[in-house]
Structures are given as C-alpha cells and as structure tokens.
Amino acid sequence: MDSSENEELRQHLEELRLAHRDLDDAIGALMDTGRADVIRIQRLKKRKLSLKDKIAKVENALLPDIIA
C-alpha cells in the first residue's frame, strides 16, 4: 500500500469516526427528550454499529500484518 492510499484510508477513517460520534450524540439527544421514538433509535443504533464495523475494517487495513 503506498502513502496516498494510506492517507486516503486515514481520511476515510476520520470521516467514519466523526459520523459515529454524530450518531452517538443524536441517539443521546433523542433519549434525553423522554419522547424518543424507539424504532428511530433502534435504526440509529444499527447504523452506528455498522459504522463501528467499517471503522474496524479500515483500522485493520492500516495496520501492518505482524507475524508472531
């Protein structure tokens, strides 16, 4: 992997992390209102979990393979 691909992955990783934080904030705000739509919160949580999986994949792509 060359440095430009590495930089693109790092940028994508940061975008995913930002989206994950934004979803976390949105879920918290909905739950704090006391009138939260349960289905909407569940959908946001699913999307957040999906982002977490994508973050893990990008992080694994950035880390070099270590042979123990």
PDB file of N, CA and C in Angstrom:
ATOM      1  N   MET A   1       0.854  -1.169   0.000  1.00  0.00           N
ATOM      2  CA  MET A   1       0.000   0.000   0.000  1.00  0.00           C
ATOM      3  C   MET A   1       0.903   1.236   0.000  1.00  0.00           C
ATOM      4  N   ASP A   2       0.661   2.146  -0.938  1.00  0.00           N
ATOM      5  CA  ASP A   2       1.502   3.338  -0.992  1.00  0.00           C
ATOM      6  C   ASP A   2       0.959   4.425  -0.070  1.00  0.00           C
ATOM      7  N   SER A   3       1.705   5.504   0.050  1.00  0.00           N
ATOM      8  CA  SER A   3       1.360   6.543   1.021  1.00  0.00           C
ATOM      9  C   SER A   3       0.059   7.271   0.676  1.00  0.00           C
ATOM     10  N   SER A   4      -0.255   7.416  -0.617  1.00  0.00           N
ATOM     11  CA  SER A   4      -1.502   8.100  -0.973  1.00  0.00           C
ATOM     12  C   SER A   4      -2.716   7.245  -0.596  1.00  0.00           C
ATOM     13  N   GLU A   5      -2.623   5.934  -0.785  1.00  0.00           N
ATOM     14  CA  GLU A   5      -3.709   5.041  -0.362  1.00  0.00           C
ATOM     15  C   GLU A   5      -3.854   5.062   1.155  1.00  0.00           C
ATOM     16  N   ASN A   6      -2.704   5.076   1.833  1.00  0.00           N
ATOM     17  CA  ASN A   6      -2.691   5.128   3.282  1.00  0.00           C
ATOM     18  C   ASN A   6      -3.365   6.403   3.780  1.00  0.00           C
ATOM     19  N   GLU A   7      -3.057   7.513   3.156  1.00  0.00           N
ATOM     20  CA  GLU A   7      -3.640   8.795   3.549  1.00  0.00           C
ATOM     21  C   GLU A   7      -5.144   8.817   3.281  1.00  0.00           C
ATOM     22  N   GLU A   8      -5.560   8.248   2.164  1.00  0.00           N
ATOM     23  CA  GLU A   8      -6.990   8.169   1.854  1.00  0.00           C
ATOM     24  C   GLU A   8      -7.735   7.336   2.901  1.00  0.00           C
ATOM     25  N   LEU A   9      -7.116   6.220   3.307  1.00  0.00           N
ATOM     26  CA  LEU A   9      -7.729   5.379   4.332  1.00  0.00           C
ATOM     27  C   LEU A   9      -7.823   6.120   5.664  1.00  0.00           C
ATOM     28  N   ARG A  10      -6.779   6.870   6.011  1.00  0.00           N
ATOM     29  CA  ARG A  10      -6.802   7.641   7.260  1.00  0.00           C
ATOM     30  C   ARG A  10      -7.900   8.700   7.225  1.00  0.00           C
ATOM     31  N   GLN A  11      -8.052   9.353   6.081  1.00  0.00           N
ATOM     32  CA  GLN A  11      -9.092  10.368   5.941  1.00  0.00           C
ATOM     33  C   GLN A  11     -10.477   9.727   6.042  1.00  0.00           C
ATOM     34  N   HIS A  12     -10.647   8.597   5.385  1.00  0.00           N
ATOM     35  CA  HIS A  12     -11.917   7.875   5.438  1.00  0.00           C
ATOM     36  C   HIS A  12     -12.209   7.424   6.871  1.00  0.00           C
ATOM     37  N   LEU A  13     -11.178   6.972   7.574  1.00  0.00           N
ATOM     38  CA  LEU A  13     -11.325   6.539   8.955  1.00  0.00           C
ATOM     39  C   LEU A  13     -11.808   7.701   9.826  1.00  0.00           C
ATOM     40  N   GLU A  14     -11.238   8.866   9.636  1.00  0.00           N
ATOM     41  CA  GLU A  14     -11.646  10.030  10.417  1.00  0.00           C
ATOM     42  C   GLU A  14     -13.097  10.412  10.122  1.00  0.00           C
ATOM     43  N   GLU A  15     -13.502  10.316   8.862  1.00  0.00           N
ATOM     44  CA  GLU A  15     -14.895  10.606   8.492  1.00  0.00           C
ATOM     45  C   GLU A  15     -15.852   9.613   9.146  1.00  0.00           C
ATOM     46  N   LEU A  16     -15.459   8.337   9.175  1.00  0.00           N
ATOM     47  CA  LEU A  16     -16.292   7.316   9.810  1.00  0.00           C
ATOM     48  C   LEU A  16     -16.410   7.560  11.310  1.00  0.00           C
ATOM     49  N   ARG A  17     -15.294   7.914  11.930  1.00  0.00           N
ATOM     50  CA  ARG A  17     -15.318   8.190  13.372  1.00  0.00           C
ATOM     51  C   ARG A  17     -16.197   9.394  13.687  1.00  0.00           C
ATOM     52  N   LEU A  18     -16.130  10.411  12.855  1.00  0.00           N
ATOM     53  CA  LEU A  18     -16.960  11.594  13.056  1.00  0.00           C
ATOM     54  C   LEU A  18     -18.445  11.243  12.922  1.00  0.00           C
ATOM     55  N   ALA A  19     -18.778  10.458  11.918  1.00  0.00           N
ATOM     56  CA  ALA A  19     -20.167  10.035  11.725  1.00  0.00           C
ATOM     57  C   ALA A  19     -20.641   9.193  12.909  1.00  0.00           C
ATOM     58  N   HIS A  20     -19.766   8.342  13.437  1.00  0.00           N
ATOM     59  CA  HIS A  20     -20.085   7.505  14.586  1.00  0.00           C
ATOM     60  C   HIS A  20     -20.378   8.380  15.810  1.00  0.00           C
ATOM     61  N   ARG A  21     -19.542   9.396  16.042  1.00  0.00           N
ATOM     62  CA  ARG A  21     -19.763  10.318  17.166  1.00  0.00           C
ATOM     63  C   ARG A  21     -21.062  11.091  16.996  1.00  0.00           C
ATOM     64  N   ASP A  22     -21.321  11.530  15.767  1.00  0.00           N
ATOM     65  CA  ASP A  22     -22.557  12.272  15.496  1.00  0.00           C
ATOM     66  C   ASP A  22     -23.792  11.420  15.788  1.00  0.00           C
ATOM     67  N   LEU A  23     -23.747  10.155  15.383  1.00  0.00           N
ATOM     68  CA  LEU A  23     -24.869   9.257  15.675  1.00  0.00           C
ATOM     69  C   LEU A  23     -25.026   9.042  17.169  1.00  0.00           C
ATOM     70  N   ASP A  24     -23.915   8.910  17.863  1.00  0.00           N
ATOM     71  CA  ASP A  24     -23.965   8.743  19.314  1.00  0.00           C
ATOM     72  C   ASP A  24     -24.619   9.956  19.971  1.00  0.00           C
ATOM     73  N   ASP A  25     -24.247  11.139  19.522  1.00  0.00           N
ATOM     74  CA  ASP A  25     -24.852  12.370  20.047  1.00  0.00           C
ATOM     75  C   ASP A  25     -26.343  12.437  19.728  1.00  0.00           C
ATOM     76  N   ALA A  26     -26.712  12.046  18.516  1.00  0.00           N
ATOM     77  CA  ALA A  26     -28.117  12.079  18.109  1.00  0.00           C
ATOM     78  C   ALA A  26     -28.945  11.102  18.937  1.00  0.00           C
ATOM     79  N   ILE A  27     -28.406   9.918  19.170  1.00  0.00           N
ATOM     80  CA  ILE A  27     -29.112   8.923  19.976  1.00  0.00           C
ATOM     81  C   ILE A  27     -29.286   9.446  21.397  1.00  0.00           C
ATOM     82  N   GLY A  28     -28.234  10.019  21.954  1.00  0.00           N
ATOM     83  CA  GLY A  28     -28.311  10.571  23.300  1.00  0.00           C
ATOM     84  C   GLY A  28     -29.340  11.680  23.402  1.00  0.00           C
ATOM     85  N   ALA A  29     -29.373  12.544  22.398  1.00  0.00           N
ATOM     86  CA  ALA A  29     -30.327  13.650  22.404  1.00  0.00           C
ATOM     87  C   ALA A  29     -31.765  13.139  22.318  1.00  0.00           C
ATOM     88  N   LEU A  30     -31.987  12.140  21.488  1.00  0.00           N
ATOM     89  CA  LEU A  30     -33.330  11.566  21.379  1.00  0.00           C
ATOM     90  C   LEU A  30     -33.768  10.907  22.681  1.00  0.00           C
ATOM     91  N   MET A  31     -32.851  10.244  23.325  1.00  0.00           N
ATOM     92  CA  MET A  31     -33.193   9.560  24.569  1.00  0.00           C
ATOM     93  C   MET A  31     -33.429  10.566  25.701  1.00  0.00           C
ATOM     94  N   ASP A  32     -32.747  11.689  25.660  1.00  0.00           N
ATOM     95  CA  ASP A  32     -32.899  12.702  26.704  1.00  0.00           C
ATOM     96  C   ASP A  32     -34.233  13.434  26.626  1.00  0.00           C
ATOM     97  N   THR A  33     -34.847  13.439  25.462  1.00  0.00           N
ATOM     98  CA  THR A  33     -36.111  14.161  25.324  1.00  0.00           C
ATOM     99  C   THR A  33     -37.245  13.489  26.091  1.00  0.00           C
ATOM    100  N   GLY A  34     -37.121  12.199  26.335  1.00  0.00           N
ATOM    101  CA  GLY A  34     -38.173  11.484  27.046  1.00  0.00           C
ATOM    102  C   GLY A  34     -39.321  11.070  26.142  1.00  0.00           C
ATOM    103  N   ARG A  35     -39.349  11.606  24.933  1.00  0.00           N
ATOM    104  CA  ARG A  35     -40.400  11.259  23.969  1.00  0.00           C
ATOM    105  C   ARG A  35     -39.783  10.541  22.770  1.00  0.00           C
ATOM    106  N   ALA A  36     -38.761   9.788  23.045  1.00  0.00           N
ATOM    107  CA  ALA A  36     -37.984   9.164  21.980  1.00  0.00           C
ATOM    108  C   ALA A  36     -38.793   8.125  21.203  1.00  0.00           C
ATOM    109  N   ASP A  37     -38.609   8.128  19.907  1.00  0.00           N
ATOM    110  CA  ASP A  37     -39.205   7.141  19.018  1.00  0.00           C
ATOM    111  C   ASP A  37     -38.308   5.905  19.051  1.00  0.00           C
ATOM    112  N   VAL A  38     -38.796   4.839  19.649  1.00  0.00           N
ATOM    113  CA  VAL A  38     -37.995   3.637  19.860  1.00  0.00           C
ATOM    114  C   VAL A  38     -37.475   3.069  18.543  1.00  0.00           C
ATOM    115  N   ILE A  39     -38.300   3.028  17.538  1.00  0.00           N
ATOM    116  CA  ILE A  39     -37.888   2.473  16.243  1.00  0.00           C
ATOM    117  C   ILE A  39     -36.777   3.324  15.627  1.00  0.00           C
ATOM    118  N   ARG A  40     -36.911   4.633  15.719  1.00  0.00           N
ATOM    119  CA  ARG A  40     -35.877   5.521  15.169  1.00  0.00           C
ATOM    120  C   ARG A  40     -34.554   5.327  15.904  1.00  0.00           C
ATOM    121  N   ILE A  41     -34.616   5.197  17.219  1.00  0.00           N
ATOM    122  CA  ILE A  41     -33.396   4.971  17.998  1.00  0.00           C
ATOM    123  C   ILE A  41     -32.755   3.642  17.612  1.00  0.00           C
ATOM    124  N   GLN A  42     -33.565   2.609  17.426  1.00  0.00           N
ATOM    125  CA  GLN A  42     -33.027   1.308  17.021  1.00  0.00           C
ATOM    126  C   GLN A  42     -32.334   1.397  15.667  1.00  0.00           C
ATOM    127  N   ARG A  43     -32.915   2.141  14.741  1.00  0.00           N
ATOM    128  CA  ARG A  43     -32.302   2.294  13.415  1.00  0.00           C
ATOM    129  C   ARG A  43     -30.979   3.038  13.514  1.00  0.00           C
ATOM    130  N   LEU A  44     -30.953   4.083  14.342  1.00  0.00           N
ATOM    131  CA  LEU A  44     -29.710   4.834  14.517  1.00  0.00           C
ATOM    132  C   LEU A  44     -28.639   3.960  15.165  1.00  0.00           C
ATOM    133  N   LYS A  45     -29.037   3.132  16.120  1.00  0.00           N
ATOM    134  CA  LYS A  45     -28.081   2.234  16.769  1.00  0.00           C
ATOM    135  C   LYS A  45     -27.533   1.203  15.786  1.00  0.00           C
ATOM    136  N   LYS A  46     -28.390   0.710  14.891  1.00  0.00           N
ATOM    137  CA  LYS A  46     -27.924  -0.235  13.860  1.00  0.00           C
ATOM    138  C   LYS A  46     -26.917   0.437  12.937  1.00  0.00           C
ATOM    139  N   ARG A  47     -27.225   1.671  12.540  1.00  0.00           N
ATOM    140  CA  ARG A  47     -26.319   2.410  11.673  1.00  0.00           C
ATOM    141  C   ARG A  47     -24.990   2.662  12.388  1.00  0.00           C
ATOM    142  N   LYS A  48     -25.059   2.975  13.670  1.00  0.00           N
ATOM    143  CA  LYS A  48     -23.856   3.213  14.465  1.00  0.00           C
ATOM    144  C   LYS A  48     -23.006   1.944  14.546  1.00  0.00           C
ATOM    145  N   LEU A  49     -23.660   0.801  14.751  1.00  0.00           N
ATOM    146  CA  LEU A  49     -22.938  -0.466  14.801  1.00  0.00           C
ATOM    147  C   LEU A  49     -22.285  -0.786  13.459  1.00  0.00           C
ATOM    148  N   SER A  50     -22.984  -0.489  12.383  1.00  0.00           N
ATOM    149  CA  SER A  50     -22.426  -0.697  11.051  1.00  0.00           C
ATOM    150  C   SER A  50     -21.185   0.172  10.845  1.00  0.00           C
ATOM    151  N   LEU A  51     -21.249   1.411  11.309  1.00  0.00           N
ATOM    152  CA  LEU A  51     -20.085   2.293  11.207  1.00  0.00           C
ATOM    153  C   LEU A  51     -18.924   1.757  12.035  1.00  0.00           C
ATOM    154  N   LYS A  52     -19.227   1.213  13.198  1.00  0.00           N
ATOM    155  CA  LYS A  52     -18.177   0.645  14.043  1.00  0.00           C
ATOM    156  C   LYS A  52     -17.469  -0.501  13.323  1.00  0.00           C
ATOM    157  N   ASP A  53     -18.239  -1.342  12.631  1.00  0.00           N
ATOM    158  CA  ASP A  53     -17.641  -2.437  11.857  1.00  0.00           C
ATOM    159  C   ASP A  53     -16.758  -1.904  10.735  1.00  0.00           C
ATOM    160  N   LYS A  54     -17.222  -0.862  10.049  1.00  0.00           N
ATOM    161  CA  LYS A  54     -16.428  -0.263   8.975  1.00  0.00           C
ATOM    162  C   LYS A  54     -15.147   0.349   9.519  1.00  0.00           C
ATOM    163  N   ILE A  55     -15.240   0.984  10.685  1.00  0.00           N
ATOM    164  CA  ILE A  55     -14.056   1.573  11.320  1.00  0.00           C
ATOM    165  C   ILE A  55     -13.031   0.481  11.617  1.00  0.00           C
ATOM    166  N   ALA A  56     -13.483  -0.632  12.142  1.00  0.00           N
ATOM    167  CA  ALA A  56     -12.582  -1.742  12.456  1.00  0.00           C
ATOM    168  C   ALA A  56     -11.901  -2.274  11.196  1.00  0.00           C
ATOM    169  N   LYS A  57     -12.629  -2.370  10.091  1.00  0.00           N
ATOM    170  CA  LYS A  57     -12.046  -2.854   8.836  1.00  0.00           C
ATOM    171  C   LYS A  57     -10.976  -1.910   8.319  1.00  0.00           C
ATOM    172  N   VAL A  58     -11.245  -0.612   8.380  1.00  0.00           N
ATOM    173  CA  VAL A  58     -10.259   0.365   7.896  1.00  0.00           C
ATOM    174  C   VAL A  58      -9.034   0.364   8.804  1.00  0.00           C
ATOM    175  N   GLU A  59      -9.250   0.280  10.119  1.00  0.00           N
ATOM    176  CA  GLU A  59      -8.118   0.227  11.048  1.00  0.00           C
ATOM    177  C   GLU A  59      -7.259  -1.000  10.776  1.00  0.00           C
ATOM    178  N   ASN A  60      -7.894  -2.131  10.510  1.00  0.00           N
ATOM    179  CA  ASN A  60      -7.134  -3.354  10.202  1.00  0.00           C
ATOM    180  C   ASN A  60      -6.368  -3.205   8.886  1.00  0.00           C
ATOM    181  N   ALA A  61      -6.927  -2.493   7.938  1.00  0.00           N
ATOM    182  CA  ALA A  61      -6.239  -2.285   6.659  1.00  0.00           C
ATOM    183  C   ALA A  61      -5.015  -1.379   6.843  1.00  0.00           C
ATOM    184  N   LEU A  62      -5.079  -0.479   7.796  1.00  0.00           N
ATOM    185  CA  LEU A  62      -3.969   0.447   8.036  1.00  0.00           C
ATOM    186  C   LEU A  62      -2.830  -0.199   8.830  1.00  0.00           C
ATOM    187  N   LEU A  63      -3.157  -1.176   9.663  1.00  0.00           N
ATOM    188  CA  LEU A  63      -2.134  -1.820  10.482  1.00  0.00           C
ATOM    189  C   LEU A  63      -1.410  -2.872   9.661  1.00  0.00           C
ATOM    190  N   PRO A  64      -0.094  -2.881   9.746  1.00  0.00           N
ATOM    191  CA  PRO A  64       0.645  -3.911   9.012  1.00  0.00           C
ATOM    192  C   PRO A  64       0.457  -5.278   9.657  1.00  0.00           C
ATOM    193  N   ASP A  65       0.519  -6.314   8.850  1.00  0.00           N
ATOM    194  CA  ASP A  65       0.416  -7.673   9.375  1.00  0.00           C
ATOM    195  C   ASP A  65       1.671  -7.986  10.158  1.00  0.00           C
ATOM    196  N   ILE A  66       1.478  -8.501  11.353  1.00  0.00           N
ATOM    197  CA  ILE A  66       2.604  -8.864  12.204  1.00  0.00           C
ATOM    198  C   ILE A  66       2.603 -10.379  12.365  1.00  0.00           C
ATOM    199  N   ILE A  67       3.701 -10.986  11.985  1.00  0.00           N
ATOM    200  CA  ILE A  67       3.824 -12.435  12.109  1.00  0.00           C
ATOM    201  C   ILE A  67       4.477 -12.713  13.458  1.00  0.00           C
ATOM    202  N   ALA A  68       3.746 -13.414  14.317  1.00  0.00           N
ATOM    203  CA  ALA A  68       4.258 -13.681  15.663  1.00  0.00           C
ATOM    204  C   ALA A  68       4.995 -14.984  15.694  1.00  0.00           C
TER     205      ALA A  68
END
